Amino acid sequence: AIFDLTDETSASPLPDGHIGEIRIAGPSV
């Protein structure tokens, strides 16, 4: 998901088309 840089807990993913930090989660991480 894409998040605003100030979202310290990854609580609110940005809508489609909005630029932010790419963040990932899952068994590969």
PDB file of all heavy atoms in Angstrom:
ATOM      1  N   ALA A   1       0.845  -1.193   0.000  1.00  0.00           N
ATOM      2  CA  ALA A   1       0.000   0.000   0.000  1.00  0.00           C
ATOM      3  C   ALA A   1       0.881   1.243   0.000  1.00  0.00           C
ATOM      4  O   ALA A   1       2.089   1.183   0.276  1.00  0.00           O
ATOM      5  CB  ALA A   1      -0.936   0.001   1.211  1.00  0.00           C
ATOM      6  N   ILE A   2       0.261   2.376  -0.321  1.00  0.00           N
ATOM      7  CA  ILE A   2       0.938   3.671  -0.366  1.00  0.00           C
ATOM      8  C   ILE A   2       0.482   4.496   0.835  1.00  0.00           C
ATOM      9  O   ILE A   2      -0.718   4.595   1.114  1.00  0.00           O
ATOM     10  CB  ILE A   2       0.610   4.424  -1.667  1.00  0.00           C
ATOM     11  CG1 ILE A   2       0.837   3.529  -2.894  1.00  0.00           C
ATOM     12  CG2 ILE A   2       1.428   5.706  -1.756  1.00  0.00           C
ATOM     13  CD1 ILE A   2       2.266   3.057  -3.068  1.00  0.00           C
ATOM     14  N   PHE A   3       1.456   5.100   1.536  1.00  0.00           N
ATOM     15  CA  PHE A   3       1.126   5.859   2.741  1.00  0.00           C
ATOM     16  C   PHE A   3       1.785   7.235   2.709  1.00  0.00           C
ATOM     17  O   PHE A   3       2.869   7.407   2.135  1.00  0.00           O
ATOM     18  CB  PHE A   3       1.611   5.117   3.987  1.00  0.00           C
ATOM     19  CG  PHE A   3       0.883   3.830   4.256  1.00  0.00           C
ATOM     20  CD1 PHE A   3       1.339   2.641   3.716  1.00  0.00           C
ATOM     21  CD2 PHE A   3      -0.262   3.808   5.040  1.00  0.00           C
ATOM     22  CE1 PHE A   3       0.672   1.439   3.950  1.00  0.00           C
ATOM     23  CE2 PHE A   3      -0.934   2.624   5.285  1.00  0.00           C
ATOM     24  CZ  PHE A   3      -0.468   1.430   4.740  1.00  0.00           C
ATOM     25  N   ASP A   4       1.131   8.171   3.367  1.00  0.00           N
ATOM     26  CA  ASP A   4       1.742   9.473   3.592  1.00  0.00           C
ATOM     27  C   ASP A   4       2.960   9.287   4.489  1.00  0.00           C
ATOM     28  O   ASP A   4       2.968   8.435   5.384  1.00  0.00           O
ATOM     29  CB  ASP A   4       0.738  10.416   4.252  1.00  0.00           C
ATOM     30  CG  ASP A   4       1.272  11.838   4.343  1.00  0.00           C
ATOM     31  OD1 ASP A   4       1.965  12.146   5.343  1.00  0.00           O
ATOM     32  OD2 ASP A   4       1.008  12.633   3.433  1.00  0.00           O
ATOM     33  N   LEU A   5       3.967  10.103   4.258  1.00  0.00           N
ATOM     34  CA  LEU A   5       5.222   9.952   5.009  1.00  0.00           C
ATOM     35  C   LEU A   5       5.031  10.184   6.502  1.00  0.00           C
ATOM     36  O   LEU A   5       5.812   9.675   7.313  1.00  0.00           O
ATOM     37  CB  LEU A   5       6.272  10.922   4.466  1.00  0.00           C
ATOM     38  CG  LEU A   5       6.576  10.829   2.972  1.00  0.00           C
ATOM     39  CD1 LEU A   5       7.683  11.798   2.598  1.00  0.00           C
ATOM     40  CD2 LEU A   5       6.942   9.414   2.585  1.00  0.00           C
ATOM     41  N   THR A   6       4.008  10.924   6.876  1.00  0.00           N
ATOM     42  CA  THR A   6       3.780  11.222   8.296  1.00  0.00           C
ATOM     43  C   THR A   6       2.951  10.155   9.005  1.00  0.00           C
ATOM     44  O   THR A   6       2.743  10.241  10.215  1.00  0.00           O
ATOM     45  CB  THR A   6       3.062  12.574   8.445  1.00  0.00           C
ATOM     46  OG1 THR A   6       1.793  12.504   7.784  1.00  0.00           O
ATOM     47  CG2 THR A   6       3.886  13.693   7.824  1.00  0.00           C
ATOM     48  N   ASP A   7       2.485   9.150   8.276  1.00  0.00           N
ATOM     49  CA  ASP A   7       1.659   8.086   8.850  1.00  0.00           C
ATOM     50  C   ASP A   7       2.578   7.066   9.526  1.00  0.00           C
ATOM     51  O   ASP A   7       3.029   6.105   8.907  1.00  0.00           O
ATOM     52  CB  ASP A   7       0.817   7.425   7.761  1.00  0.00           C
ATOM     53  CG  ASP A   7      -0.233   6.475   8.329  1.00  0.00           C
ATOM     54  OD1 ASP A   7      -0.094   6.061   9.492  1.00  0.00           O
ATOM     55  OD2 ASP A   7      -1.184   6.133   7.597  1.00  0.00           O
ATOM     56  N   GLU A   8       2.856   7.281  10.805  1.00  0.00           N
ATOM     57  CA  GLU A   8       3.856   6.478  11.511  1.00  0.00           C
ATOM     58  C   GLU A   8       3.400   5.060  11.825  1.00  0.00           C
ATOM     59  O   GLU A   8       4.214   4.196  12.116  1.00  0.00           O
ATOM     60  CB  GLU A   8       4.250   7.185  12.820  1.00  0.00           C
ATOM     61  CG  GLU A   8       4.928   8.524  12.630  1.00  0.00           C
ATOM     62  CD  GLU A   8       6.302   8.386  11.979  1.00  0.00           C
ATOM     63  OE1 GLU A   8       6.911   7.314  12.106  1.00  0.00           O
ATOM     64  OE2 GLU A   8       6.748   9.359  11.337  1.00  0.00           O
ATOM     65  N   THR A   9       2.105   4.803  11.773  1.00  0.00           N
ATOM     66  CA  THR A   9       1.591   3.471  12.103  1.00  0.00           C
ATOM     67  C   THR A   9       0.953   2.772  10.900  1.00  0.00           C
ATOM     68  O   THR A   9       0.380   1.700  11.038  1.00  0.00           O
ATOM     69  CB  THR A   9       0.558   3.555  13.238  1.00  0.00           C
ATOM     70  OG1 THR A   9      -0.547   4.368  12.818  1.00  0.00           O
ATOM     71  CG2 THR A   9       1.184   4.128  14.499  1.00  0.00           C
ATOM     72  N   SER A  10       1.071   3.394   9.738  1.00  0.00           N
ATOM     73  CA  SER A  10       0.461   2.846   8.512  1.00  0.00           C
ATOM     74  C   SER A  10      -1.030   2.604   8.706  1.00  0.00           C
ATOM     75  O   SER A  10      -1.573   1.555   8.351  1.00  0.00           O
ATOM     76  CB  SER A  10       1.163   1.539   8.098  1.00  0.00           C
ATOM     77  OG  SER A  10       2.550   1.738   7.909  1.00  0.00           O
ATOM     78  N   ALA A  11      -1.707   3.607   9.261  1.00  0.00           N
ATOM     79  CA  ALA A  11      -3.134   3.459   9.590  1.00  0.00           C
ATOM     80  C   ALA A  11      -4.051   3.754   8.411  1.00  0.00           C
ATOM     81  O   ALA A  11      -5.135   3.172   8.311  1.00  0.00           O
ATOM     82  CB  ALA A  11      -3.490   4.389  10.752  1.00  0.00           C
ATOM     83  N   SER A  12      -3.609   4.643   7.483  1.00  0.00           N
ATOM     84  CA  SER A  12      -4.530   5.117   6.437  1.00  0.00           C
ATOM     85  C   SER A  12      -3.856   5.107   5.065  1.00  0.00           C
ATOM     86  O   SER A  12      -3.182   6.076   4.685  1.00  0.00           O
ATOM     87  CB  SER A  12      -5.009   6.539   6.752  1.00  0.00           C
ATOM     88  OG  SER A  12      -5.612   6.595   8.028  1.00  0.00           O
ATOM     89  N   PRO A  13      -4.018   4.023   4.301  1.00  0.00           N
ATOM     90  CA  PRO A  13      -3.458   3.984   2.942  1.00  0.00           C
ATOM     91  C   PRO A  13      -4.013   5.106   2.081  1.00  0.00           C
ATOM     92  O   PRO A  13      -5.193   5.483   2.207  1.00  0.00           O
ATOM     93  CB  PRO A  13      -3.908   2.613   2.418  1.00  0.00           C
ATOM     94  CG  PRO A  13      -4.206   1.808   3.632  1.00  0.00           C
ATOM     95  CD  PRO A  13      -4.719   2.777   4.651  1.00  0.00           C
ATOM     96  N   LEU A  14      -3.185   5.660   1.209  1.00  0.00           N
ATOM     97  CA  LEU A  14      -3.622   6.730   0.322  1.00  0.00           C
ATOM     98  C   LEU A  14      -4.471   6.168  -0.819  1.00  0.00           C
ATOM     99  O   LEU A  14      -4.304   5.010  -1.211  1.00  0.00           O
ATOM    100  CB  LEU A  14      -2.408   7.462  -0.258  1.00  0.00           C
ATOM    101  CG  LEU A  14      -1.543   8.244   0.734  1.00  0.00           C
ATOM    102  CD1 LEU A  14      -0.318   8.804   0.028  1.00  0.00           C
ATOM    103  CD2 LEU A  14      -2.335   9.362   1.391  1.00  0.00           C
ATOM    104  N   PRO A  15      -5.366   6.978  -1.372  1.00  0.00           N
ATOM    105  CA  PRO A  15      -6.191   6.523  -2.501  1.00  0.00           C
ATOM    106  C   PRO A  15      -5.332   6.298  -3.750  1.00  0.00           C
ATOM    107  O   PRO A  15      -4.195   6.778  -3.849  1.00  0.00           O
ATOM    108  CB  PRO A  15      -7.172   7.683  -2.712  1.00  0.00           C
ATOM    109  CG  PRO A  15      -7.085   8.524  -1.494  1.00  0.00           C
ATOM    110  CD  PRO A  15      -5.705   8.340  -0.945  1.00  0.00           C
ATOM    111  N   ASP A  16      -5.904   5.596  -4.716  1.00  0.00           N
ATOM    112  CA  ASP A  16      -5.224   5.377  -5.990  1.00  0.00           C
ATOM    113  C   ASP A  16      -4.820   6.709  -6.622  1.00  0.00           C
ATOM    114  O   ASP A  16      -5.565   7.705  -6.556  1.00  0.00           O
ATOM    115  CB  ASP A  16      -6.139   4.629  -6.957  1.00  0.00           C
ATOM    116  CG  ASP A  16      -6.140   3.133  -6.712  1.00  0.00           C
ATOM    117  OD1 ASP A  16      -5.624   2.705  -5.658  1.00  0.00           O
ATOM    118  OD2 ASP A  16      -6.647   2.400  -7.575  1.00  0.00           O
ATOM    119  N   GLY A  17      -3.623   6.712  -7.208  1.00  0.00           N
ATOM    120  CA  GLY A  17      -3.140   7.894  -7.900  1.00  0.00           C
ATOM    121  C   GLY A  17      -2.394   8.877  -7.022  1.00  0.00           C
ATOM    122  O   GLY A  17      -1.757   9.795  -7.539  1.00  0.00           O
ATOM    123  N   HIS A  18      -2.444   8.702  -5.707  1.00  0.00           N
ATOM    124  CA  HIS A  18      -1.719   9.591  -4.803  1.00  0.00           C
ATOM    125  C   HIS A  18      -0.323   9.034  -4.544  1.00  0.00           C
ATOM    126  O   HIS A  18      -0.154   7.841  -4.297  1.00  0.00           O
ATOM    127  CB  HIS A  18      -2.476   9.759  -3.486  1.00  0.00           C
ATOM    128  CG  HIS A  18      -3.678  10.631  -3.602  1.00  0.00           C
ATOM    129  ND1 HIS A  18      -3.735  11.897  -3.074  1.00  0.00           N
ATOM    130  CD2 HIS A  18      -4.871  10.434  -4.219  1.00  0.00           C
ATOM    131  CE1 HIS A  18      -4.902  12.440  -3.333  1.00  0.00           C
ATOM    132  NE2 HIS A  18      -5.614  11.570  -4.033  1.00  0.00           N
ATOM    133  N   ILE A  19       0.663   9.908  -4.597  1.00  0.00           N
ATOM    134  CA  ILE A  19       2.051   9.495  -4.443  1.00  0.00           C
ATOM    135  C   ILE A  19       2.453   9.532  -2.973  1.00  0.00           C
ATOM    136  O   ILE A  19       2.216  10.516  -2.269  1.00  0.00           O
ATOM    137  CB  ILE A  19       2.984  10.403  -5.270  1.00  0.00           C
ATOM    138  CG1 ILE A  19       2.639  10.290  -6.755  1.00  0.00           C
ATOM    139  CG2 ILE A  19       4.440  10.050  -5.028  1.00  0.00           C
ATOM    140  CD1 ILE A  19       3.347  11.297  -7.620  1.00  0.00           C
ATOM    141  N   GLY A  20       3.055   8.473  -2.515  1.00  0.00           N
ATOM    142  CA  GLY A  20       3.530   8.380  -1.144  1.00  0.00           C
ATOM    143  C   GLY A  20       4.548   7.260  -1.044  1.00  0.00           C
ATOM    144  O   GLY A  20       5.045   6.757  -2.054  1.00  0.00           O
ATOM    145  N   GLU A  21       4.846   6.869   0.187  1.00  0.00           N
ATOM    146  CA  GLU A  21       5.837   5.811   0.379  1.00  0.00           C
ATOM    147  C   GLU A  21       5.217   4.437   0.156  1.00  0.00           C
ATOM    148  O   GLU A  21       4.137   4.130   0.654  1.00  0.00           O
ATOM    149  CB  GLU A  21       6.430   5.879   1.784  1.00  0.00           C
ATOM    150  CG  GLU A  21       7.533   4.840   1.987  1.00  0.00           C
ATOM    151  CD  GLU A  21       8.174   4.908   3.370  1.00  0.00           C
ATOM    152  OE1 GLU A  21       7.456   5.229   4.337  1.00  0.00           O
ATOM    153  OE2 GLU A  21       9.376   4.633   3.474  1.00  0.00           O
ATOM    154  N   ILE A  22       5.925   3.610  -0.572  1.00  0.00           N
ATOM    155  CA  ILE A  22       5.512   2.224  -0.777  1.00  0.00           C
ATOM    156  C   ILE A  22       5.873   1.439   0.479  1.00  0.00           C
ATOM    157  O   ILE A  22       7.021   1.477   0.933  1.00  0.00           O
ATOM    158  CB  ILE A  22       6.223   1.602  -1.993  1.00  0.00           C
ATOM    159  CG1 ILE A  22       5.963   2.430  -3.247  1.00  0.00           C
ATOM    160  CG2 ILE A  22       5.798   0.154  -2.198  1.00  0.00           C
ATOM    161  CD1 ILE A  22       6.888   2.083  -4.404  1.00  0.00           C
ATOM    162  N   ARG A  23       4.881   0.747   1.057  1.00  0.00           N
ATOM    163  CA  ARG A  23       5.147  -0.071   2.236  1.00  0.00           C
ATOM    164  C   ARG A  23       4.598  -1.472   2.005  1.00  0.00           C
ATOM    165  O   ARG A  23       3.594  -1.665   1.311  1.00  0.00           O
ATOM    166  CB  ARG A  23       4.530   0.557   3.491  1.00  0.00           C
ATOM    167  CG  ARG A  23       5.136   1.927   3.803  1.00  0.00           C
ATOM    168  CD  ARG A  23       4.552   2.552   5.059  1.00  0.00           C
ATOM    169  NE  ARG A  23       5.014   3.928   5.229  1.00  0.00           N
ATOM    170  CZ  ARG A  23       4.587   4.752   6.178  1.00  0.00           C
ATOM    171  NH1 ARG A  23       3.670   4.335   7.054  1.00  0.00           N
ATOM    172  NH2 ARG A  23       5.055   5.988   6.265  1.00  0.00           N
ATOM    173  N   ILE A  24       5.256  -2.462   2.623  1.00  0.00           N
ATOM    174  CA  ILE A  24       4.931  -3.859   2.354  1.00  0.00           C
ATOM    175  C   ILE A  24       4.857  -4.661   3.655  1.00  0.00           C
ATOM    176  O   ILE A  24       5.449  -4.297   4.668  1.00  0.00           O
ATOM    177  CB  ILE A  24       5.979  -4.507   1.429  1.00  0.00           C
ATOM    178  CG1 ILE A  24       7.392  -4.340   2.023  1.00  0.00           C
ATOM    179  CG2 ILE A  24       5.917  -3.904   0.037  1.00  0.00           C
ATOM    180  CD1 ILE A  24       8.483  -5.060   1.251  1.00  0.00           C
ATOM    181  N   ALA A  25       4.118  -5.761   3.604  1.00  0.00           N
ATOM    182  CA  ALA A  25       4.032  -6.685   4.735  1.00  0.00           C
ATOM    183  C   ALA A  25       3.761  -8.073   4.180  1.00  0.00           C
ATOM    184  O   ALA A  25       3.187  -8.231   3.105  1.00  0.00           O
ATOM    185  CB  ALA A  25       2.926  -6.268   5.702  1.00  0.00           C
ATOM    186  N   GLY A  26       4.202  -9.099   4.917  1.00  0.00           N
ATOM    187  CA  GLY A  26       3.935 -10.458   4.471  1.00  0.00           C
ATOM    188  C   GLY A  26       5.079 -11.400   4.807  1.00  0.00           C
ATOM    189  O   GLY A  26       6.111 -10.990   5.361  1.00  0.00           O
ATOM    190  N   PRO A  27       4.948 -12.674   4.471  1.00  0.00           N
ATOM    191  CA  PRO A  27       5.926 -13.687   4.871  1.00  0.00           C
ATOM    192  C   PRO A  27       7.297 -13.566   4.209  1.00  0.00           C
ATOM    193  O   PRO A  27       8.255 -14.169   4.686  1.00  0.00           O
ATOM    194  CB  PRO A  27       5.242 -15.005   4.470  1.00  0.00           C
ATOM    195  CG  PRO A  27       4.253 -14.628   3.414  1.00  0.00           C
ATOM    196  CD  PRO A  27       3.781 -13.264   3.783  1.00  0.00           C
ATOM    197  N   SER A  28       7.404 -12.792   3.132  1.00  0.00           N
ATOM    198  CA  SER A  28       8.713 -12.594   2.493  1.00  0.00           C
ATOM    199  C   SER A  28       9.557 -11.551   3.214  1.00  0.00           C
ATOM    200  O   SER A  28      10.775 -11.476   3.016  1.00  0.00           O
ATOM    201  CB  SER A  28       8.533 -12.153   1.036  1.00  0.00           C
ATOM    202  OG  SER A  28       7.885 -13.124   0.264  1.00  0.00           O
ATOM    203  N   VAL A  29       8.906 -10.726   4.037  1.00  0.00           N
ATOM    204  CA  VAL A  29       9.573  -9.557   4.628  1.00  0.00           C
ATOM    205  C   VAL A  29      10.406  -9.966   5.842  1.00  0.00           C
ATOM    206  O   VAL A  29       9.963 -10.741   6.690  1.00  0.00           O
ATOM    207  CB  VAL A  29       8.538  -8.495   5.027  1.00  0.00           C
ATOM    208  CG1 VAL A  29       9.201  -7.310   5.712  1.00  0.00           C
ATOM    209  CG2 VAL A  29       7.763  -8.036   3.796  1.00  0.00           C
TER     210      VAL A  29
END
